[in-house]
């Protein structure tokens, strides 16, 4: 399956299908058919190959075709200095930084993302995320999750002691739908 992220500055109208549309102005997400008059992000999921020209980020992701999946769009907010300790999620997803700055440490590699940059995390991809020390930071993401994760918190800390540490980040589910 291909998962792609597109940005539309002056609006977009989708006709349905496996698409998640994030409206920057209203800070809401819709699945399938949607119309947005201002800036928007569109994640497109397709079982067939399609033209991903113009995509900010486009990747093939491996999904078990016999399993049930859900598509989740959520927003994660960090206060200055917030940290998501080394963790994984049970499914892949593309993230887009809305504002602030976020440093991702992965397998000894460190990259700092600025507002309007995107990245992919694979299922069970261990990452440590550290937000800007001086400003609020937020990103929006679309995850593809095995159906048994519907409605459940997906972050799993690799060090069990981190589960007990204070969490400053807040994840808000904007939508969750079965993948068709």
N, C-alpha and C. Protein backbone atom coordinates (compact mmCIF):
# COMPACT_ATOMS: atom_id res chain seq x y z
N UNK A 1 0.85 -1.17 0.00
CA UNK A 1 0.00 0.00 0.00
C UNK A 1 0.90 1.23 0.00
N UNK A 2 0.49 2.23 -0.73
CA UNK A 2 1.22 3.49 -0.74
C UNK A 2 0.49 4.49 0.16
N UNK A 3 1.28 5.17 0.99
CA UNK A 3 0.78 6.24 1.85
C UNK A 3 1.49 7.52 1.42
N UNK A 4 0.71 8.53 1.03
CA UNK A 4 1.28 9.79 0.56
C UNK A 4 0.66 10.96 1.30
N UNK A 5 1.44 12.01 1.44
CA UNK A 5 0.98 13.25 2.08
C UNK A 5 1.12 14.39 1.08
N UNK A 6 0.04 15.15 0.92
CA UNK A 6 0.00 16.31 0.01
C UNK A 6 -0.44 17.54 0.80
N UNK A 7 0.03 18.71 0.38
CA UNK A 7 -0.40 19.98 0.99
C UNK A 7 -1.08 20.82 -0.07
N UNK A 8 -2.21 21.44 0.32
CA UNK A 8 -2.97 22.33 -0.56
C UNK A 8 -3.11 23.67 0.15
N UNK A 9 -2.59 24.71 -0.47
CA UNK A 9 -2.56 26.04 0.16
C UNK A 9 -3.90 26.76 0.11
N UNK A 10 -4.66 26.57 -0.96
CA UNK A 10 -5.88 27.37 -1.14
C UNK A 10 -7.15 26.54 -1.14
N UNK A 11 -7.09 25.36 -0.59
CA UNK A 11 -8.28 24.53 -0.48
C UNK A 11 -8.17 23.25 -1.29
N UNK A 12 -9.09 22.32 -0.98
CA UNK A 12 -9.12 21.03 -1.66
C UNK A 12 -10.50 20.42 -1.47
N UNK A 13 -10.90 19.62 -2.44
CA UNK A 13 -12.13 18.84 -2.32
C UNK A 13 -11.80 17.41 -2.70
N UNK A 14 -12.10 16.47 -1.81
CA UNK A 14 -11.85 15.06 -2.10
C UNK A 14 -13.18 14.37 -2.36
N UNK A 15 -13.13 13.31 -3.16
CA UNK A 15 -14.37 12.64 -3.56
C UNK A 15 -14.63 11.36 -2.77
N UNK A 16 -13.79 11.07 -1.82
CA UNK A 16 -14.00 9.87 -1.01
C UNK A 16 -12.77 8.99 -1.06
N UNK A 17 -12.96 7.74 -0.69
CA UNK A 17 -11.85 6.80 -0.66
C UNK A 17 -11.06 6.90 0.63
N UNK A 18 -9.94 6.24 0.63
CA UNK A 18 -9.08 6.20 1.81
C UNK A 18 -8.20 7.45 1.86
N UNK A 19 -8.81 8.56 2.23
CA UNK A 19 -8.11 9.83 2.35
C UNK A 19 -8.45 10.46 3.68
N UNK A 20 -7.44 11.06 4.29
CA UNK A 20 -7.65 11.85 5.50
C UNK A 20 -7.31 13.29 5.14
N UNK A 21 -8.24 14.19 5.44
CA UNK A 21 -8.06 15.61 5.13
C UNK A 21 -7.99 16.37 6.44
N UNK A 22 -6.90 17.10 6.65
CA UNK A 22 -6.72 17.93 7.85
C UNK A 22 -6.89 19.38 7.45
N UNK A 23 -7.83 20.05 8.10
CA UNK A 23 -8.14 21.46 7.85
C UNK A 23 -7.36 22.30 8.87
N UNK A 24 -6.37 23.08 8.39
CA UNK A 24 -5.54 23.89 9.28
C UNK A 24 -6.37 24.93 10.03
N UNK A 25 -7.33 25.54 9.35
CA UNK A 25 -8.11 26.62 9.96
C UNK A 25 -8.97 26.11 11.10
N UNK A 26 -9.69 25.02 10.86
CA UNK A 26 -10.60 24.48 11.88
C UNK A 26 -9.91 23.49 12.82
N UNK A 27 -8.69 23.05 12.47
CA UNK A 27 -7.95 22.05 13.24
C UNK A 27 -8.77 20.77 13.45
N UNK A 28 -9.40 20.32 12.34
CA UNK A 28 -10.18 19.08 12.36
C UNK A 28 -9.71 18.20 11.21
N UNK A 29 -10.03 16.91 11.32
CA UNK A 29 -9.72 15.95 10.27
C UNK A 29 -11.01 15.27 9.82
N UNK A 30 -11.07 14.97 8.54
CA UNK A 30 -12.22 14.26 7.96
C UNK A 30 -11.70 13.09 7.14
N UNK A 31 -12.53 12.05 7.03
CA UNK A 31 -12.15 10.87 6.27
C UNK A 31 -13.02 10.78 5.02
N UNK A 32 -12.39 10.47 3.88
CA UNK A 32 -13.14 10.28 2.64
C UNK A 32 -13.44 11.61 1.96
N UNK A 33 -14.72 11.81 1.64
CA UNK A 33 -15.14 13.04 0.95
C UNK A 33 -15.08 14.22 1.92
N UNK A 34 -14.43 15.29 1.47
CA UNK A 34 -14.31 16.49 2.31
C UNK A 34 -14.01 17.69 1.43
N UNK A 35 -14.41 18.86 1.90
CA UNK A 35 -14.09 20.11 1.21
C UNK A 35 -13.51 21.08 2.23
N UNK A 36 -12.37 21.67 1.89
CA UNK A 36 -11.70 22.65 2.74
C UNK A 36 -11.40 23.86 1.87
N UNK A 37 -11.74 25.04 2.37
CA UNK A 37 -11.52 26.25 1.58
C UNK A 37 -10.15 26.88 1.78
N UNK A 38 -9.49 26.57 2.88
CA UNK A 38 -8.17 27.14 3.15
C UNK A 38 -7.09 26.08 3.09
N UNK A 39 -5.97 26.32 3.76
CA UNK A 39 -4.86 25.36 3.74
C UNK A 39 -5.27 24.01 4.32
N UNK A 40 -4.78 22.94 3.69
CA UNK A 40 -5.15 21.59 4.11
C UNK A 40 -4.01 20.61 3.81
N UNK A 41 -4.01 19.53 4.57
CA UNK A 41 -3.15 18.38 4.29
C UNK A 41 -4.05 17.22 3.89
N UNK A 42 -3.59 16.40 2.94
CA UNK A 42 -4.34 15.21 2.54
C UNK A 42 -3.38 14.02 2.54
N UNK A 43 -3.70 13.02 3.36
CA UNK A 43 -3.00 11.74 3.33
C UNK A 43 -3.84 10.83 2.44
N UNK A 44 -3.20 10.20 1.50
CA UNK A 44 -3.91 9.30 0.59
C UNK A 44 -3.33 7.90 0.75
N UNK A 45 -4.23 6.92 0.88
CA UNK A 45 -3.83 5.52 1.00
C UNK A 45 -4.43 4.78 -0.17
N UNK A 46 -3.61 4.02 -0.87
CA UNK A 46 -4.11 3.35 -2.05
C UNK A 46 -3.52 1.96 -2.14
N UNK A 47 -4.39 0.99 -2.44
CA UNK A 47 -3.93 -0.39 -2.61
C UNK A 47 -3.22 -0.58 -3.94
N UNK A 48 -3.58 0.23 -4.92
CA UNK A 48 -2.95 0.17 -6.23
C UNK A 48 -1.91 1.28 -6.31
N UNK A 49 -0.99 1.12 -7.24
CA UNK A 49 -0.02 2.19 -7.44
C UNK A 49 -0.72 3.37 -8.09
N UNK A 50 -0.42 4.54 -7.67
CA UNK A 50 -0.99 5.75 -8.26
C UNK A 50 0.11 6.78 -8.40
N UNK A 51 -0.18 7.82 -9.12
CA UNK A 51 0.80 8.86 -9.36
C UNK A 51 0.91 9.72 -8.10
N UNK A 52 2.07 9.68 -7.45
CA UNK A 52 2.27 10.44 -6.21
C UNK A 52 2.99 11.76 -6.50
N UNK A 53 2.94 12.21 -7.75
CA UNK A 53 3.59 13.47 -8.12
C UNK A 53 3.05 14.61 -7.24
N UNK A 54 3.94 15.43 -6.79
CA UNK A 54 3.53 16.56 -5.94
C UNK A 54 3.40 16.21 -4.47
N UNK A 55 3.63 14.94 -4.12
CA UNK A 55 3.51 14.54 -2.71
C UNK A 55 4.68 15.10 -1.91
N UNK A 56 4.39 15.54 -0.69
CA UNK A 56 5.44 15.96 0.22
C UNK A 56 6.26 14.75 0.66
N UNK A 57 5.57 13.64 0.84
CA UNK A 57 6.21 12.40 1.26
C UNK A 57 5.33 11.26 0.77
N UNK A 58 5.92 10.25 0.18
CA UNK A 58 5.17 9.11 -0.35
C UNK A 58 6.00 7.86 -0.15
N UNK A 59 5.40 6.85 0.47
CA UNK A 59 6.13 5.61 0.75
C UNK A 59 5.20 4.41 0.62
N UNK A 60 5.79 3.30 0.21
CA UNK A 60 5.08 2.03 0.29
C UNK A 60 5.22 1.53 1.72
N UNK A 61 4.14 1.06 2.29
CA UNK A 61 4.17 0.47 3.63
C UNK A 61 3.61 -0.95 3.51
N UNK A 62 4.22 -1.87 4.23
CA UNK A 62 3.78 -3.26 4.20
C UNK A 62 2.68 -3.47 5.23
N UNK A 63 1.52 -3.92 4.75
CA UNK A 63 0.41 -4.25 5.63
C UNK A 63 -0.05 -5.67 5.30
N UNK A 64 -0.40 -6.43 6.31
CA UNK A 64 -0.96 -7.76 6.09
C UNK A 64 -2.31 -7.59 5.40
N UNK A 65 -2.46 -8.07 4.16
CA UNK A 65 -3.71 -7.83 3.43
C UNK A 65 -4.90 -8.61 3.99
N UNK A 66 -4.65 -9.58 4.86
CA UNK A 66 -5.73 -10.38 5.42
C UNK A 66 -6.18 -9.87 6.79
N UNK A 67 -5.48 -8.89 7.32
CA UNK A 67 -5.82 -8.34 8.64
C UNK A 67 -6.70 -7.10 8.49
N UNK A 68 -7.44 -6.79 9.53
CA UNK A 68 -8.25 -5.57 9.56
C UNK A 68 -7.38 -4.42 10.08
N UNK A 69 -7.54 -3.23 9.46
CA UNK A 69 -6.74 -2.06 9.80
C UNK A 69 -7.64 -0.87 10.04
N UNK A 70 -7.15 0.07 10.85
CA UNK A 70 -7.83 1.36 11.03
C UNK A 70 -6.85 2.48 10.65
N UNK A 71 -7.43 3.57 10.22
CA UNK A 71 -6.68 4.79 9.91
C UNK A 71 -6.96 5.77 11.04
N UNK A 72 -5.92 6.26 11.68
CA UNK A 72 -6.10 7.23 12.77
C UNK A 72 -5.35 8.51 12.44
N UNK A 73 -6.03 9.63 12.62
CA UNK A 73 -5.37 10.93 12.53
C UNK A 73 -5.41 11.53 13.92
N UNK A 74 -4.26 11.91 14.41
CA UNK A 74 -4.22 12.58 15.70
C UNK A 74 -3.21 13.71 15.68
N UNK A 75 -3.31 14.52 16.71
CA UNK A 75 -2.42 15.66 16.87
C UNK A 75 -1.69 15.48 18.20
N UNK A 76 -0.37 15.74 18.18
CA UNK A 76 0.44 15.61 19.39
C UNK A 76 1.03 16.98 19.70
N UNK A 77 0.78 17.45 20.92
CA UNK A 77 1.26 18.76 21.37
C UNK A 77 2.25 18.58 22.50
N UNK A 78 3.36 19.36 22.43
CA UNK A 78 4.39 19.36 23.46
C UNK A 78 4.55 20.78 23.99
N UNK A 79 4.70 20.94 25.30
CA UNK A 79 5.12 22.24 25.83
C UNK A 79 6.63 22.40 25.58
N UNK A 80 7.17 23.58 25.80
CA UNK A 80 8.62 23.74 25.65
C UNK A 80 9.38 22.69 26.48
N UNK A 81 10.35 22.04 25.84
CA UNK A 81 11.16 21.04 26.53
C UNK A 81 10.52 19.68 26.68
N UNK A 82 9.32 19.47 26.11
CA UNK A 82 8.64 18.18 26.22
C UNK A 82 9.43 17.06 25.54
N UNK A 83 9.28 15.85 26.09
CA UNK A 83 10.00 14.69 25.56
C UNK A 83 9.03 13.51 25.48
N UNK A 84 9.10 12.79 24.35
CA UNK A 84 8.45 11.48 24.25
C UNK A 84 9.61 10.48 24.31
N UNK A 85 9.77 9.86 25.47
CA UNK A 85 10.89 8.95 25.70
C UNK A 85 10.92 7.86 24.63
N UNK A 86 12.05 7.20 24.51
CA UNK A 86 12.24 6.18 23.46
C UNK A 86 11.04 5.23 23.44
N UNK A 87 10.40 5.19 22.25
CA UNK A 87 9.14 4.47 22.14
C UNK A 87 8.92 3.95 20.72
N UNK A 88 7.86 3.14 20.56
CA UNK A 88 7.43 2.64 19.26
C UNK A 88 5.90 2.74 19.19
N UNK A 89 5.38 2.60 17.97
CA UNK A 89 3.93 2.51 17.71
C UNK A 89 3.69 1.24 16.90
N UNK A 90 2.50 0.65 16.96
CA UNK A 90 2.24 -0.63 16.28
C UNK A 90 1.97 -0.53 14.79
N UNK A 91 1.99 0.67 14.23
CA UNK A 91 1.76 0.82 12.80
C UNK A 91 2.51 2.00 12.24
N UNK A 92 2.71 2.03 10.92
CA UNK A 92 3.44 3.12 10.28
C UNK A 92 2.58 4.37 10.17
N UNK A 93 3.26 5.51 9.98
CA UNK A 93 2.51 6.75 9.78
C UNK A 93 3.40 7.90 9.36
N UNK A 94 2.78 8.84 8.65
CA UNK A 94 3.47 10.06 8.24
C UNK A 94 3.06 11.18 9.17
N UNK A 95 4.06 11.90 9.68
CA UNK A 95 3.85 13.04 10.58
C UNK A 95 4.19 14.33 9.83
N UNK A 96 3.55 15.43 10.25
CA UNK A 96 3.81 16.77 9.67
C UNK A 96 3.88 17.75 10.83
N UNK A 97 5.02 18.41 10.99
CA UNK A 97 5.20 19.37 12.08
C UNK A 97 4.42 20.64 11.77
N UNK A 98 3.53 21.01 12.69
CA UNK A 98 2.70 22.21 12.51
C UNK A 98 3.43 23.47 12.95
N UNK A 99 4.07 23.39 14.13
CA UNK A 99 4.84 24.53 14.63
C UNK A 99 5.84 24.04 15.67
N UNK A 100 6.84 24.88 15.92
CA UNK A 100 7.89 24.51 16.86
C UNK A 100 9.00 23.78 16.15
N UNK A 101 9.69 22.95 16.93
CA UNK A 101 10.84 22.21 16.43
C UNK A 101 10.87 20.89 17.17
N UNK A 102 11.16 19.80 16.47
CA UNK A 102 11.17 18.48 17.10
C UNK A 102 12.40 17.72 16.63
N UNK A 103 13.19 17.24 17.59
CA UNK A 103 14.38 16.44 17.27
C UNK A 103 14.02 14.98 17.48
N UNK A 104 14.26 14.18 16.44
CA UNK A 104 13.99 12.75 16.47
C UNK A 104 15.33 12.01 16.46
N UNK A 105 15.55 11.19 17.50
CA UNK A 105 16.72 10.32 17.58
C UNK A 105 16.25 8.91 17.22
N UNK A 106 16.90 8.32 16.20
CA UNK A 106 16.50 7.00 15.72
C UNK A 106 17.75 6.25 15.31
N UNK A 107 17.99 5.11 15.95
CA UNK A 107 19.13 4.25 15.59
C UNK A 107 20.44 5.02 15.48
N UNK A 108 20.72 5.89 16.45
CA UNK A 108 21.96 6.63 16.45
C UNK A 108 21.99 7.80 15.50
N UNK A 109 20.90 8.04 14.81
CA UNK A 109 20.80 9.15 13.87
C UNK A 109 19.87 10.21 14.47
N UNK A 110 20.28 11.46 14.36
CA UNK A 110 19.48 12.56 14.94
C UNK A 110 19.12 13.54 13.84
N UNK A 111 17.84 13.94 13.80
CA UNK A 111 17.39 14.94 12.83
C UNK A 111 16.41 15.87 13.53
N UNK A 112 16.59 17.17 13.29
CA UNK A 112 15.67 18.17 13.84
C UNK A 112 14.76 18.66 12.73
N UNK A 113 13.45 18.55 12.98
CA UNK A 113 12.43 18.98 12.03
C UNK A 113 11.91 20.35 12.42
N UNK A 114 11.68 21.16 11.42
CA UNK A 114 11.12 22.50 11.59
C UNK A 114 9.67 22.47 11.13
N UNK A 115 8.92 23.52 11.44
CA UNK A 115 7.53 23.62 11.00
C UNK A 115 7.45 23.38 9.49
N UNK A 116 6.43 22.63 9.09
CA UNK A 116 6.11 22.31 7.69
C UNK A 116 6.96 21.17 7.13
N UNK A 117 7.78 20.51 7.96
CA UNK A 117 8.52 19.34 7.49
C UNK A 117 7.77 18.07 7.90
N UNK A 118 7.98 17.00 7.11
CA UNK A 118 7.27 15.73 7.32
C UNK A 118 8.28 14.60 7.45
N UNK A 119 7.85 13.51 8.12
CA UNK A 119 8.69 12.32 8.23
C UNK A 119 7.81 11.11 8.43
N UNK A 120 8.38 9.95 8.12
CA UNK A 120 7.69 8.67 8.26
C UNK A 120 8.31 7.91 9.41
N UNK A 121 7.48 7.30 10.22
CA UNK A 121 7.94 6.32 11.20
C UNK A 121 7.28 5.01 10.85
N UNK A 122 8.09 3.96 10.73
CA UNK A 122 7.56 2.63 10.44
C UNK A 122 6.99 2.02 11.72
N UNK A 123 6.25 0.94 11.59
CA UNK A 123 5.77 0.19 12.75
C UNK A 123 6.98 -0.27 13.56
N UNK A 124 6.90 -0.12 14.85
CA UNK A 124 7.93 -0.56 15.79
C UNK A 124 9.30 0.07 15.53
N UNK A 125 9.29 1.29 15.01
CA UNK A 125 10.50 2.06 14.74
C UNK A 125 10.85 2.82 16.02
N UNK A 126 11.93 2.45 16.75
CA UNK A 126 12.23 3.10 18.03
C UNK A 126 12.72 4.53 17.84
N UNK A 127 12.04 5.47 18.47
CA UNK A 127 12.42 6.89 18.38
C UNK A 127 12.35 7.56 19.75
N UNK A 128 13.16 8.59 19.90
CA UNK A 128 13.10 9.51 21.03
C UNK A 128 12.81 10.87 20.43
N UNK A 129 11.76 11.54 20.90
CA UNK A 129 11.36 12.84 20.35
C UNK A 129 11.52 13.90 21.42
N UNK A 130 12.26 14.97 21.09
CA UNK A 130 12.51 16.07 22.03
C UNK A 130 12.05 17.37 21.38
N UNK A 131 11.13 18.05 22.03
CA UNK A 131 10.57 19.29 21.49
C UNK A 131 11.49 20.47 21.77
N UNK A 132 11.21 21.57 21.08
CA UNK A 132 11.93 22.82 21.29
C UNK A 132 11.95 23.18 22.77
N UNK A 133 13.07 23.69 23.23
CA UNK A 133 13.21 24.10 24.63
C UNK A 133 12.51 25.43 24.90
N UNK A 134 12.19 26.18 23.84
CA UNK A 134 11.70 27.55 24.04
C UNK A 134 10.30 27.82 23.54
N UNK A 135 9.69 26.90 22.77
CA UNK A 135 8.36 27.18 22.23
C UNK A 135 7.51 25.91 22.19
N UNK A 136 6.20 26.10 22.16
CA UNK A 136 5.29 24.98 21.99
C UNK A 136 5.56 24.32 20.65
N UNK A 137 5.36 23.00 20.60
CA UNK A 137 5.58 22.22 19.38
C UNK A 137 4.38 21.31 19.18
N UNK A 138 3.96 21.15 17.92
CA UNK A 138 2.84 20.25 17.63
C UNK A 138 3.02 19.63 16.25
N UNK A 139 2.58 18.38 16.14
CA UNK A 139 2.52 17.75 14.83
C UNK A 139 1.21 17.01 14.70
N UNK A 140 0.82 16.77 13.45
CA UNK A 140 -0.36 15.99 13.14
C UNK A 140 0.14 14.78 12.35
N UNK A 141 -0.50 13.63 12.54
CA UNK A 141 -0.04 12.41 11.88
C UNK A 141 -1.23 11.55 11.49
N UNK A 142 -0.97 10.69 10.52
CA UNK A 142 -1.91 9.62 10.17
C UNK A 142 -1.16 8.31 10.35
N UNK A 143 -1.75 7.45 11.17
CA UNK A 143 -1.20 6.12 11.46
C UNK A 143 -2.09 5.05 10.84
N UNK A 144 -1.50 3.98 10.36
CA UNK A 144 -2.22 2.79 9.94
C UNK A 144 -2.02 1.77 11.04
N UNK A 145 -3.11 1.36 11.68
CA UNK A 145 -3.01 0.52 12.88
C UNK A 145 -3.78 -0.78 12.72
N UNK A 146 -3.24 -1.88 13.24
CA UNK A 146 -4.05 -3.09 13.31
C UNK A 146 -5.35 -2.78 14.08
N UNK A 147 -6.46 -3.35 13.62
CA UNK A 147 -7.78 -3.00 14.16
C UNK A 147 -7.88 -3.16 15.68
N UNK A 148 -7.12 -4.08 16.27
CA UNK A 148 -7.21 -4.26 17.72
C UNK A 148 -6.71 -3.04 18.50
N UNK A 149 -6.06 -2.09 17.81
CA UNK A 149 -5.59 -0.87 18.46
C UNK A 149 -6.62 0.27 18.38
N UNK A 150 -7.74 0.03 17.78
CA UNK A 150 -8.77 1.08 17.66
C UNK A 150 -9.14 1.59 19.05
N UNK A 151 -9.10 2.92 19.19
CA UNK A 151 -9.48 3.56 20.44
C UNK A 151 -8.47 3.44 21.57
N UNK A 152 -7.35 2.78 21.33
CA UNK A 152 -6.35 2.57 22.38
C UNK A 152 -5.13 3.46 22.16
N UNK A 153 -4.48 3.77 23.24
CA UNK A 153 -3.21 4.49 23.21
C UNK A 153 -2.17 3.60 22.52
N UNK A 154 -1.41 4.15 21.57
CA UNK A 154 -0.50 3.31 20.79
C UNK A 154 0.96 3.42 21.19
N UNK A 155 1.33 4.40 21.98
CA UNK A 155 2.73 4.57 22.34
C UNK A 155 3.14 3.48 23.33
N UNK A 156 4.29 2.83 23.04
CA UNK A 156 4.84 1.82 23.95
C UNK A 156 6.29 2.20 24.22
N UNK A 157 6.58 2.52 25.48
CA UNK A 157 7.93 2.92 25.87
C UNK A 157 8.83 1.69 25.94
N UNK A 158 10.05 1.82 25.44
CA UNK A 158 10.96 0.68 25.41
C UNK A 158 11.58 0.41 26.77
N UNK A 159 11.73 1.44 27.58
CA UNK A 159 12.19 1.28 28.96
C UNK A 159 10.95 1.34 29.85
N UNK A 160 10.57 0.24 30.50
CA UNK A 160 9.36 0.26 31.32
C UNK A 160 9.35 1.37 32.37
N UNK A 161 10.51 1.81 32.81
CA UNK A 161 10.58 2.90 33.81
C UNK A 161 10.04 4.21 33.22
N UNK A 162 10.14 4.37 31.91
CA UNK A 162 9.64 5.60 31.28
C UNK A 162 8.12 5.70 31.36
N UNK A 163 7.46 4.58 31.49
CA UNK A 163 6.00 4.58 31.62
C UNK A 163 5.57 5.36 32.86
N UNK A 164 6.40 5.36 33.89
CA UNK A 164 6.07 6.03 35.15
C UNK A 164 6.53 7.49 35.19
N UNK A 165 7.36 7.90 34.25
CA UNK A 165 7.86 9.28 34.24
C UNK A 165 6.75 10.23 33.79
N UNK A 166 6.80 11.48 34.24
CA UNK A 166 5.76 12.44 33.83
C UNK A 166 5.76 12.63 32.32
N UNK A 167 4.58 12.69 31.74
CA UNK A 167 4.42 12.90 30.30
C UNK A 167 3.92 14.32 30.09
N UNK A 168 4.65 15.07 29.29
CA UNK A 168 4.25 16.44 29.01
C UNK A 168 3.52 16.55 27.69
N UNK A 169 3.73 15.57 26.79
CA UNK A 169 3.04 15.64 25.50
C UNK A 169 1.60 15.16 25.66
N UNK A 170 0.74 15.64 24.75
CA UNK A 170 -0.68 15.26 24.78
C UNK A 170 -1.09 14.88 23.36
N UNK A 171 -1.63 13.67 23.18
CA UNK A 171 -2.13 13.23 21.88
C UNK A 171 -3.65 13.31 21.90
N UNK A 172 -4.21 13.92 20.85
CA UNK A 172 -5.65 14.06 20.71
C UNK A 172 -6.07 13.36 19.42
N UNK A 173 -6.91 12.34 19.53
CA UNK A 173 -7.40 11.64 18.34
C UNK A 173 -8.42 12.53 17.64
N UNK A 174 -8.17 12.80 16.36
CA UNK A 174 -9.07 13.63 15.56
C UNK A 174 -10.06 12.79 14.77
N UNK A 175 -9.64 11.61 14.34
CA UNK A 175 -10.54 10.67 13.68
C UNK A 175 -9.91 9.30 13.66
N UNK A 176 -10.78 8.30 13.56
CA UNK A 176 -10.35 6.91 13.44
C UNK A 176 -11.41 6.19 12.63
N UNK A 177 -10.98 5.56 11.54
CA UNK A 177 -11.92 4.90 10.61
C UNK A 177 -11.32 3.57 10.14
N UNK A 178 -12.19 2.60 9.82
CA UNK A 178 -11.67 1.35 9.23
C UNK A 178 -11.06 1.64 7.86
N UNK A 179 -9.97 0.96 7.57
CA UNK A 179 -9.35 1.06 6.24
C UNK A 179 -10.13 0.16 5.31
N UNK A 180 -10.46 0.68 4.15
CA UNK A 180 -11.25 -0.10 3.19
C UNK A 180 -10.39 -0.66 2.11
